Amino acid sequence: MDGGPPPGPGGRAAHRLRAVLLLAGLGTGLVAVSLVAAGAGAYPVPAGQVASSVLHAVGLEVGTPPDRIGRTVLWDVRFPRVVLAVMVGAALGAAGAMMQGIFGNPLAEPGVIGVSSGAAVGAITVVFTGLTVFGHWTIIAASFVFGLATTLFVYVFARSRGRTEVVTLLLTGIAVNAVAGAAIGLMTNFSQDAEIQTITFWQLGSVSTATWSKVAAIAPCLLAGLAVIPLHARRLDLLALGEGPARHLGVDVERMRLVLICALALLTSAAVAFAGIVAFVGLVVPHIIRMVTGPGHRVLLPASALGGGLLLLAADLLARTVAAPAEIPLGVVTAALGGPFFFYLLHRTRAKQGGWS
């Protein structure tokens, strides 16, 4: 955290106003992009008709709704995809912010350090073996177990003398991604054509198979993962001061870390189970939020969820319209946007630390 005296009443009021404006702006942007995304496609529906259709569905007879075909396209195809993209983005954005707070490292992100790949191995193992132990929840359960195990492994392996080393974190992520890639490649090699197509979906990332049943399945995971935000946001701010000061201020550091690791593993695993590996959302969004409103987690965490939903929805809109009628994999779009940003953060972090030996 930056040094200097605490802000006075005027500074706190300005910060609070900036936070309110940020959250309101993200919410407004999310609604606007949702209207555009729902209307864009092979059968275009004007944004006004999209909004009217939603208002009619809640009992408000406002505007002119689309025709019968338009309603079918909106409610059976477009809206599930829009909602799923927002949920997946919110999960990844919040998970990235949580992970950076837990590790005390600005380069931590589920995709970069291998958590997404670990969760994908769990999901692909279920597809490869045909397991249906928990019915529709089997893939989510397997993703969660593998994602949690990967998160705990990275957390333990990358810590030394009470802090997380940047180089060790990045090298651990490279190793985890390599092992996960090898496991996925091995299962792909021995899979049938239908299984290979499903495995490719998880490797490249997409929300093109969205349905209302998938939205209903990811919703409890998202709500459970986000429920920890109001309980631990202040404690994450105290942890940024260091483990010793945080303990002296009454924070049970290890218990808090365990709860947050489980929460971010649940969020990441649910996102991977329904959208595959979508990298860099959890890296880019929290950093942009910090540039606007500072490092306070009471604003950072909810804003990262909103910003993640907005970014992924915009990326999905770009993925299915820029090369229409073909569709670019969602993970390719987020990697193209997030890769250069990661290079920038890597350079800035190295410069700030005076180089790495």
Protein backbone atom coordinates (compact mmCIF):
# COMPACT_ATOMS: atom_id res chain seq x y z
CA MET A 1 0.00 0.00 0.00
CA ASP A 2 1.14 3.53 -0.63
CA GLY A 3 2.52 5.46 2.29
CA GLY A 4 1.57 8.93 3.46
CA PRO A 5 -0.90 10.36 5.94
CA PRO A 6 -4.48 9.08 6.01
CA PRO A 7 -6.89 11.13 3.95
CA GLY A 8 -8.90 13.82 5.68
CA PRO A 9 -12.70 14.12 5.61
CA GLY A 10 -12.59 15.80 2.20
CA GLY A 11 -10.33 13.06 0.81
CA ARG A 12 -12.56 10.31 2.17
CA ALA A 13 -15.64 11.94 0.69
CA ALA A 14 -13.94 12.24 -2.71
CA HIS A 15 -12.83 8.62 -2.55
CA ARG A 16 -16.34 7.49 -1.62
CA LEU A 17 -17.82 9.50 -4.48
CA ARG A 18 -15.28 8.03 -6.91
CA ALA A 19 -16.17 4.53 -5.75
CA VAL A 20 -19.92 5.15 -6.16
CA LEU A 21 -19.40 6.59 -9.63
CA LEU A 22 -17.20 3.65 -10.60
CA LEU A 23 -19.75 1.05 -9.48
CA ALA A 24 -22.59 2.97 -11.12
CA GLY A 25 -20.60 3.34 -14.34
CA LEU A 26 -19.75 -0.36 -14.44
CA GLY A 27 -23.39 -1.28 -13.80
CA THR A 28 -24.61 1.09 -16.51
CA GLY A 29 -22.00 -0.17 -18.95
CA LEU A 30 -22.96 -3.77 -18.20
CA VAL A 31 -26.63 -3.06 -18.95
CA ALA A 32 -25.78 -1.18 -22.17
CA VAL A 33 -23.44 -3.88 -23.51
CA SER A 34 -25.96 -6.57 -22.53
CA LEU A 35 -28.62 -4.90 -24.67
CA VAL A 36 -26.25 -4.65 -27.62
CA ALA A 37 -24.95 -8.21 -27.21
CA ALA A 38 -28.46 -9.66 -26.95
CA GLY A 39 -29.51 -7.91 -30.14
CA ALA A 40 -26.42 -8.67 -32.24
CA GLY A 41 -26.23 -11.73 -34.45
CA ALA A 42 -27.51 -13.41 -37.60
CA TYR A 43 -31.05 -12.34 -36.64
CA PRO A 44 -30.53 -8.75 -35.38
CA VAL A 45 -32.88 -7.29 -32.80
CA PRO A 46 -32.75 -3.53 -32.06
CA ALA A 47 -31.63 -2.62 -28.54
CA GLY A 48 -34.95 -0.87 -27.89
CA GLN A 49 -36.86 -4.05 -28.66
CA VAL A 50 -34.48 -6.05 -26.45
CA ALA A 51 -35.17 -3.71 -23.54
CA SER A 52 -38.90 -3.79 -24.26
CA SER A 53 -38.90 -7.58 -24.25
CA VAL A 54 -37.27 -7.63 -20.82
CA LEU A 55 -39.71 -5.04 -19.46
CA HIS A 56 -42.68 -6.97 -20.84
CA ALA A 57 -41.36 -10.12 -19.15
CA VAL A 58 -41.52 -8.38 -15.75
CA GLY A 59 -44.99 -7.00 -16.38
CA LEU A 60 -44.19 -3.50 -17.65
CA GLU A 61 -45.93 -2.79 -20.97
CA VAL A 62 -43.34 -0.34 -22.29
CA GLY A 63 -42.14 -0.01 -25.87
CA THR A 64 -42.56 -2.39 -28.78
CA PRO A 65 -41.34 -5.97 -28.21
CA PRO A 66 -39.80 -8.01 -31.07
CA ASP A 67 -41.82 -10.43 -33.19
CA ARG A 68 -42.27 -14.10 -32.31
CA ILE A 69 -39.01 -15.19 -33.96
CA GLY A 70 -37.15 -12.34 -32.26
CA ARG A 71 -38.53 -13.34 -28.85
CA THR A 72 -37.50 -16.94 -29.41
CA VAL A 73 -33.98 -15.90 -30.45
CA LEU A 74 -33.65 -13.58 -27.46
CA TRP A 75 -34.95 -15.84 -24.71
CA ASP A 76 -33.73 -19.22 -25.94
CA VAL A 77 -30.32 -18.29 -27.42
CA ARG A 78 -29.06 -14.77 -26.70
CA PHE A 79 -30.11 -14.06 -23.11
CA PRO A 80 -28.68 -17.33 -21.67
CA ARG A 81 -25.38 -16.57 -23.42
CA VAL A 82 -25.31 -12.99 -22.15
CA VAL A 83 -26.11 -13.99 -18.56
CA LEU A 84 -23.60 -16.87 -18.57
CA ALA A 85 -20.85 -14.59 -19.95
CA VAL A 86 -21.55 -12.01 -17.23
CA MET A 87 -21.52 -14.68 -14.50
CA VAL A 88 -18.29 -16.28 -15.72
CA GLY A 89 -16.61 -12.89 -16.03
CA ALA A 90 -17.78 -11.85 -12.56
CA ALA A 91 -16.44 -15.10 -11.10
CA LEU A 92 -13.02 -14.68 -12.75
CA GLY A 93 -12.75 -10.97 -11.93
CA ALA A 94 -13.54 -11.50 -8.25
CA ALA A 95 -11.30 -14.60 -8.06
CA GLY A 96 -8.38 -12.64 -9.51
CA ALA A 97 -8.82 -9.81 -7.00
CA MET A 98 -9.06 -12.29 -4.12
CA MET A 99 -5.97 -14.17 -5.29
CA GLN A 100 -3.89 -11.00 -5.56
CA GLY A 101 -4.95 -10.05 -2.03
CA ILE A 102 -4.16 -13.49 -0.59
CA PHE A 103 -0.78 -13.82 -2.30
CA GLY A 104 0.07 -10.13 -1.89
CA ASN A 105 1.19 -10.28 -5.50
CA PRO A 106 -0.10 -8.20 -8.43
CA LEU A 107 0.69 -10.95 -10.97
CA ALA A 108 -1.50 -13.62 -9.37
CA GLU A 109 -4.40 -14.71 -11.58
CA PRO A 110 -6.21 -18.07 -11.95
CA GLY A 111 -5.06 -18.59 -15.54
CA VAL A 112 -1.48 -17.38 -15.09
CA ILE A 113 -0.63 -19.58 -12.10
CA GLY A 114 -2.43 -22.65 -13.40
CA VAL A 115 -5.62 -22.80 -11.32
CA SER A 116 -7.83 -22.62 -14.42
CA SER A 117 -5.80 -25.37 -16.10
CA GLY A 118 -6.05 -27.53 -12.98
CA ALA A 119 -9.83 -27.07 -12.86
CA ALA A 120 -10.01 -27.88 -16.59
CA VAL A 121 -8.18 -31.16 -15.98
CA GLY A 122 -10.89 -32.09 -13.50
CA ALA A 123 -13.67 -31.26 -15.97
CA ILE A 124 -11.97 -33.07 -18.87
CA THR A 125 -11.31 -36.13 -16.69
CA VAL A 126 -15.06 -36.42 -16.12
CA VAL A 127 -15.69 -36.16 -19.88
CA PHE A 128 -12.95 -38.68 -20.65
CA THR A 129 -14.04 -41.26 -18.08
CA GLY A 130 -17.79 -40.72 -18.44
CA LEU A 131 -18.32 -40.32 -14.69
CA THR A 132 -21.82 -39.24 -13.59
CA VAL A 133 -21.57 -39.71 -9.81
CA PHE A 134 -23.27 -36.40 -8.99
CA GLY A 135 -25.31 -36.12 -12.17
CA HIS A 136 -25.25 -32.61 -13.65
CA TRP A 137 -22.92 -31.46 -10.85
CA THR A 138 -20.18 -34.02 -11.51
CA ILE A 139 -18.14 -31.72 -13.76
CA ILE A 140 -18.47 -28.82 -11.30
CA ALA A 141 -17.43 -31.05 -8.37
CA ALA A 142 -14.40 -32.42 -10.24
CA SER A 143 -13.38 -28.92 -11.36
CA PHE A 144 -13.66 -27.65 -7.80
CA VAL A 145 -11.57 -30.47 -6.31
CA PHE A 146 -8.82 -30.12 -8.91
CA GLY A 147 -8.96 -26.30 -8.79
CA LEU A 148 -8.78 -26.25 -4.98
CA ALA A 149 -5.87 -28.71 -4.95
CA THR A 150 -4.02 -26.61 -7.54
CA THR A 151 -4.62 -23.38 -5.60
CA LEU A 152 -3.38 -24.89 -2.33
CA PHE A 153 -0.32 -26.35 -4.06
CA VAL A 154 0.64 -23.03 -5.65
CA TYR A 155 0.00 -21.16 -2.40
CA VAL A 156 2.24 -23.47 -0.34
CA PHE A 157 4.96 -23.85 -2.97
CA ALA A 158 5.31 -20.16 -3.82
CA ARG A 159 5.58 -18.90 -0.23
CA SER A 160 8.91 -18.41 1.50
CA ARG A 161 9.61 -16.72 4.84
CA GLY A 162 6.06 -15.41 5.10
CA ARG A 163 5.79 -13.86 1.64
CA THR A 164 5.06 -14.93 -1.91
CA GLU A 165 8.01 -14.69 -4.26
CA VAL A 166 7.18 -13.28 -7.70
CA VAL A 167 9.57 -15.47 -9.66
CA THR A 168 8.57 -18.62 -7.79
CA LEU A 169 4.90 -17.84 -8.39
CA LEU A 170 5.40 -17.41 -12.13
CA LEU A 171 7.60 -20.50 -12.45
CA THR A 172 5.09 -22.54 -10.45
CA GLY A 173 2.36 -21.36 -12.81
CA ILE A 174 4.44 -22.39 -15.84
CA ALA A 175 5.04 -25.83 -14.34
CA VAL A 176 1.38 -26.34 -13.38
CA ASN A 177 0.17 -25.27 -16.81
CA ALA A 178 2.70 -27.62 -18.44
CA VAL A 179 1.61 -30.60 -16.34
CA ALA A 180 -2.06 -29.80 -16.91
CA GLY A 181 -1.43 -29.43 -20.65
CA ALA A 182 0.30 -32.80 -20.72
CA ALA A 183 -2.62 -34.45 -18.90
CA ILE A 184 -5.15 -32.84 -21.25
CA GLY A 185 -3.07 -33.85 -24.29
CA LEU A 186 -2.87 -37.44 -23.08
CA MET A 187 -6.63 -37.67 -22.60
CA THR A 188 -7.19 -36.01 -25.98
CA ASN A 189 -4.95 -38.61 -27.65
CA PHE A 190 -7.08 -41.50 -26.36
CA SER A 191 -10.48 -39.83 -26.83
CA GLN A 192 -13.17 -40.37 -29.42
CA ASP A 193 -14.17 -37.64 -31.88
CA ALA A 194 -17.09 -36.39 -29.78
CA GLU A 195 -14.92 -36.22 -26.67
CA ILE A 196 -12.15 -34.42 -28.56
CA GLN A 197 -14.62 -31.71 -29.58
CA THR A 198 -15.68 -31.23 -25.95
CA ILE A 199 -12.07 -31.16 -24.75
CA THR A 200 -11.20 -28.55 -27.38
CA PHE A 201 -14.08 -26.44 -26.03
CA TRP A 202 -12.50 -26.42 -22.56
CA GLN A 203 -9.04 -25.62 -23.89
CA LEU A 204 -10.12 -22.63 -26.00
CA GLY A 205 -13.00 -21.29 -23.89
CA SER A 206 -16.51 -20.40 -25.04
CA VAL A 207 -20.01 -19.60 -23.79
CA SER A 208 -21.64 -20.61 -27.08
CA THR A 209 -23.36 -23.62 -25.49
CA ALA A 210 -25.13 -21.49 -22.87
CA THR A 211 -28.57 -22.61 -21.67
CA TRP A 212 -30.80 -21.54 -18.81
CA SER A 213 -30.01 -24.83 -17.02
CA LYS A 214 -26.29 -23.95 -17.07
CA VAL A 215 -27.09 -20.46 -15.78
CA ALA A 216 -29.10 -22.03 -12.95
CA ALA A 217 -26.22 -24.38 -12.16
CA ILE A 218 -23.49 -21.73 -11.99
CA ALA A 219 -25.61 -19.23 -10.01
CA PRO A 220 -25.29 -20.96 -6.57
CA CYS A 221 -21.51 -21.30 -7.04
CA LEU A 222 -21.20 -17.63 -7.96
CA LEU A 223 -23.35 -16.47 -5.04
CA ALA A 224 -21.47 -18.68 -2.56
CA GLY A 225 -18.10 -17.45 -3.79
CA LEU A 226 -19.10 -13.78 -3.78
CA ALA A 227 -20.73 -14.06 -0.33
CA VAL A 228 -17.30 -13.82 1.33
CA ILE A 229 -16.66 -10.32 -0.07
CA PRO A 230 -18.47 -8.27 2.62
CA LEU A 231 -17.03 -10.52 5.34
CA HIS A 232 -13.36 -10.39 4.36
CA ALA A 233 -12.81 -7.20 2.33
CA ARG A 234 -11.66 -5.18 5.35
CA ARG A 235 -9.43 -8.03 6.53
CA LEU A 236 -7.72 -8.16 3.15
CA ASP A 237 -6.95 -4.45 3.54
CA LEU A 238 -5.31 -5.22 6.89
CA LEU A 239 -3.39 -8.15 5.38
CA ALA A 240 -1.87 -5.72 2.86
CA LEU A 241 -0.06 -4.13 5.82
CA GLY A 242 1.72 -7.43 6.46
CA GLU A 243 0.89 -10.65 8.30
CA GLY A 244 2.28 -9.43 11.64
CA PRO A 245 0.31 -6.16 11.77
CA ALA A 246 -2.81 -7.96 10.54
CA ARG A 247 -2.58 -10.50 13.37
CA HIS A 248 -2.04 -7.73 15.94
CA LEU A 249 -5.23 -6.08 14.62
CA GLY A 250 -7.21 -9.26 15.26
CA VAL A 251 -7.17 -11.00 11.87
CA ASP A 252 -6.93 -14.81 11.90
CA VAL A 253 -4.71 -14.80 8.80
CA GLU A 254 -4.54 -18.53 8.08
CA ARG A 255 -8.25 -19.09 8.59
CA MET A 256 -9.07 -16.14 6.34
CA ARG A 257 -6.71 -17.40 3.65
CA LEU A 258 -8.27 -20.87 3.76
CA VAL A 259 -11.80 -19.45 3.40
CA LEU A 260 -10.78 -17.19 0.51
CA ILE A 261 -8.83 -19.95 -1.24
CA CYS A 262 -11.93 -22.15 -1.13
CA ALA A 263 -14.05 -19.24 -2.42
CA LEU A 264 -11.76 -18.38 -5.33
CA ALA A 265 -11.35 -22.08 -6.19
CA LEU A 266 -15.16 -22.39 -6.30
CA LEU A 267 -15.48 -19.30 -8.50
CA THR A 268 -12.72 -20.38 -10.88
CA SER A 269 -13.93 -23.97 -11.08
CA ALA A 270 -17.51 -22.96 -11.83
CA ALA A 271 -16.29 -20.59 -14.56
CA VAL A 272 -14.07 -23.29 -16.11
CA ALA A 273 -16.80 -25.93 -15.91
CA PHE A 274 -19.15 -23.84 -18.07
CA ALA A 275 -16.81 -21.71 -20.19
CA GLY A 276 -13.48 -23.53 -20.34
CA ILE A 277 -10.12 -21.82 -19.83
CA VAL A 278 -10.55 -18.05 -20.15
CA ALA A 279 -7.33 -16.38 -19.06
CA PHE A 280 -6.31 -12.86 -18.00
CA VAL A 281 -9.76 -11.57 -16.95
CA GLY A 282 -8.75 -11.88 -13.30
CA LEU A 283 -5.47 -10.09 -14.02
CA VAL A 284 -6.59 -7.16 -16.16
CA VAL A 285 -9.78 -6.11 -14.38
CA PRO A 286 -8.51 -5.70 -10.77
CA HIS A 287 -5.55 -3.64 -11.98
CA ILE A 288 -7.77 -1.29 -13.97
CA ILE A 289 -10.06 -0.90 -10.94
CA ARG A 290 -7.08 -0.07 -8.70
CA MET A 291 -5.98 2.63 -11.13
CA VAL A 292 -9.36 4.30 -10.70
CA THR A 293 -10.25 3.85 -7.05
CA GLY A 294 -7.17 2.54 -5.22
CA PRO A 295 -6.41 -0.76 -3.47
CA GLY A 296 -9.27 -0.87 -0.93
CA HIS A 297 -10.94 -4.28 -1.21
CA ARG A 298 -14.40 -3.10 -0.13
CA VAL A 299 -14.65 -1.43 -3.55
CA LEU A 300 -12.09 -3.52 -5.45
CA LEU A 301 -13.83 -6.88 -5.01
CA PRO A 302 -17.40 -5.95 -6.08
CA ALA A 303 -16.05 -3.66 -8.82
CA SER A 304 -13.84 -6.47 -10.11
CA ALA A 305 -16.90 -8.73 -10.31
CA LEU A 306 -18.83 -6.10 -12.28
CA GLY A 307 -15.81 -5.27 -14.44
CA GLY A 308 -15.11 -8.94 -15.12
CA GLY A 309 -18.67 -9.47 -16.28
CA LEU A 310 -18.48 -6.40 -18.52
CA LEU A 311 -15.10 -7.37 -20.01
CA LEU A 312 -16.06 -10.97 -20.75
CA LEU A 313 -19.41 -9.96 -22.24
CA ALA A 314 -17.67 -7.45 -24.51
CA ALA A 315 -15.04 -10.06 -25.45
CA ASP A 316 -17.76 -12.59 -26.30
CA LEU A 317 -19.58 -10.00 -28.42
CA LEU A 318 -16.32 -9.35 -30.26
CA ALA A 319 -15.63 -13.07 -30.64
CA ARG A 320 -18.92 -13.80 -32.40
CA THR A 321 -19.21 -10.68 -34.54
CA VAL A 322 -15.74 -9.65 -35.72
CA ALA A 323 -15.39 -12.65 -38.06
CA ALA A 324 -19.08 -13.52 -38.55
CA PRO A 325 -20.44 -15.99 -39.48
CA ALA A 326 -17.35 -17.70 -38.01
CA GLU A 327 -16.76 -17.43 -34.27
CA ILE A 328 -13.40 -16.83 -32.58
CA PRO A 329 -12.85 -18.84 -29.36
CA LEU A 330 -13.43 -16.66 -26.32
CA GLY A 331 -10.16 -17.67 -24.69
CA VAL A 332 -8.26 -16.48 -27.78
CA VAL A 333 -9.85 -13.02 -27.53
CA THR A 334 -9.11 -12.60 -23.81
CA ALA A 335 -5.53 -13.84 -24.32
CA ALA A 336 -5.01 -11.35 -27.16
CA LEU A 337 -6.26 -8.54 -24.88
CA GLY A 338 -4.63 -9.71 -21.65
CA GLY A 339 -1.24 -10.90 -22.96
CA PRO A 340 0.16 -7.43 -23.74
CA PHE A 341 -1.23 -6.13 -20.43
CA PHE A 342 0.57 -8.95 -18.60
CA PHE A 343 3.85 -7.97 -20.29
CA TYR A 344 3.31 -4.41 -19.06
CA LEU A 345 2.64 -5.55 -15.49
CA LEU A 346 5.65 -7.86 -15.56
CA HIS A 347 7.91 -5.01 -16.70
CA ARG A 348 6.48 -2.60 -14.13
CA THR A 349 6.80 -5.09 -11.27
CA ARG A 350 10.40 -5.90 -12.17
CA ALA A 351 11.29 -2.21 -12.43
CA LYS A 352 9.66 -1.51 -9.07
CA GLN A 353 11.64 -4.31 -7.39
CA GLY A 354 14.91 -3.25 -9.01
CA GLY A 355 15.23 -6.38 -11.13
CA TRP A 356 15.20 -10.10 -10.31
CA SER A 357 18.34 -12.06 -9.61
